[in-house]
Protein backbone atom coordinates (compact mmCIF):
# COMPACT_ATOMS: atom_id res chain seq x y z
CA MET A 1 145.40 96.24 74.29
CA VAL A 2 141.68 96.46 73.53
CA ILE A 3 141.82 100.26 73.67
CA SER A 4 144.65 100.27 71.13
CA VAL A 5 142.70 98.00 68.79
CA ILE A 6 139.64 100.24 69.10
CA GLY A 7 141.80 103.26 68.27
CA TYR A 8 143.28 101.46 65.26
CA TYR A 9 139.88 100.56 63.83
CA LEU A 10 138.61 104.08 64.42
CA ILE A 11 141.56 105.37 62.39
CA LEU A 12 140.50 103.07 59.55
CA ILE A 13 136.88 104.22 59.87
CA SER A 14 137.97 107.87 59.84
CA THR A 15 139.55 107.39 56.43
CA ALA A 16 136.32 105.90 55.09
CA PHE A 17 134.12 108.67 56.53
CA PRO A 18 136.12 111.91 56.46
CA GLY A 19 134.61 114.71 58.53
CA ALA A 20 132.23 112.48 60.50
CA LEU A 21 131.02 114.04 63.75
CA PHE A 22 131.23 110.66 65.53
CA ILE A 23 134.97 110.43 64.86
CA LYS A 24 135.52 114.00 66.06
CA VAL A 25 133.70 113.28 69.33
CA ILE A 26 135.53 109.97 69.86
CA SER A 27 138.86 111.75 69.32
CA CYS A 28 138.31 113.60 72.62
CA ILE A 29 137.80 110.47 74.74
CA PRO A 30 140.85 109.80 76.92
CA LEU A 31 143.03 106.77 76.12
CA ILE A 32 141.47 106.41 72.65
CA SER A 33 142.54 109.92 71.64
CA ILE A 34 146.18 108.95 72.13
CA SER A 35 146.16 106.87 68.97
CA LEU A 36 143.33 108.50 67.05
CA ALA A 37 144.03 112.23 67.35
CA PRO A 38 147.47 112.38 65.68
CA SER A 39 146.21 110.71 62.51
CA LEU A 40 143.17 112.98 62.42
CA VAL A 41 145.34 116.08 62.78
CA LEU A 42 147.61 114.93 59.96
CA SER A 43 144.61 114.30 57.72
CA GLY A 44 143.14 117.69 58.60
CA GLN A 45 139.90 116.37 60.11
CA ILE A 46 140.33 117.97 63.53
CA SER A 47 142.03 121.13 64.73
CA VAL A 48 144.54 121.84 67.46
CA SER A 49 141.76 123.05 69.78
CA ILE A 50 140.28 119.56 69.85
CA ILE A 51 143.73 118.19 70.69
CA ILE A 52 143.97 120.60 73.62
CA ILE A 53 140.54 119.49 74.86
CA ALA A 54 141.64 115.85 74.58
CA ILE A 55 144.81 116.57 76.57
CA ILE A 56 142.85 118.34 79.30
CA LEU A 57 140.43 115.41 79.54
CA LEU A 58 143.35 112.97 79.71
CA ILE A 59 144.95 114.96 82.54
CA ALA A 60 141.62 115.00 84.40
CA LEU A 61 141.27 111.22 83.97
CA ASN A 62 144.80 110.69 85.27
CA TYR A 63 144.05 112.85 88.31
CA ILE A 64 140.87 110.89 89.09
CA LEU A 65 142.60 107.55 88.63
CA ILE A 66 145.46 108.57 90.89
CA LYS A 67 143.22 110.08 93.55
CA TYR A 68 140.78 107.20 93.84
CA GLY A 69 142.80 104.37 92.33
CA LEU A 70 145.50 104.53 94.99
CA ARG A 71 142.90 104.22 97.73
CA ILE A 72 141.27 101.24 96.08
CA TYR A 73 144.67 99.66 95.43
CA LYS A 74 145.67 100.13 99.06
CA VAL A 75 142.50 98.53 100.39
CA GLY A 76 141.80 95.97 97.66
CA ILE A 77 145.25 94.71 96.76
CA LEU A 78 147.43 95.36 99.78
CA ASN A 79 144.76 94.03 102.14
CA TYR A 80 145.15 90.29 102.56
CA SER A 81 141.85 89.56 104.28
CA GLU A 82 138.90 88.53 102.11
CA GLN A 83 136.13 89.59 104.49
CA ASP A 84 133.93 92.44 103.28
CA LEU A 85 136.43 93.41 100.59
CA TRP A 86 133.93 95.31 98.42
CA LYS A 87 132.60 97.24 101.41
CA LYS A 88 136.12 98.25 102.34
CA MET A 89 136.86 99.37 98.79
CA PHE A 90 133.71 101.53 98.55
CA LYS A 91 134.46 102.96 101.99
CA ALA A 92 137.98 103.87 100.85
CA VAL A 93 136.58 105.76 97.84
CA LYS A 94 134.20 107.78 100.04
CA GLN A 95 136.92 108.79 102.52
CA LYS A 96 138.69 112.12 102.15
């Protein structure tokens, strides 16, 4: 929810400061770009190449979250013991 609110306020800021470099850079950040990029494309502030970069970054983030998040979920959530939980979670991330 917080990410959606941030994206909404960035859309409002982008209308106040058209062509700002900060807004163009933020439009490539995964999860925020989902709400920000379409409005920037419609207003003509960013091009399709920036959208493609944002999509590639979002796919990379999803891959990282799936690869490491499943390990942490398996150890941290499905493990019912509370002894050395953080050590087990860091160990799960380091495993191949």
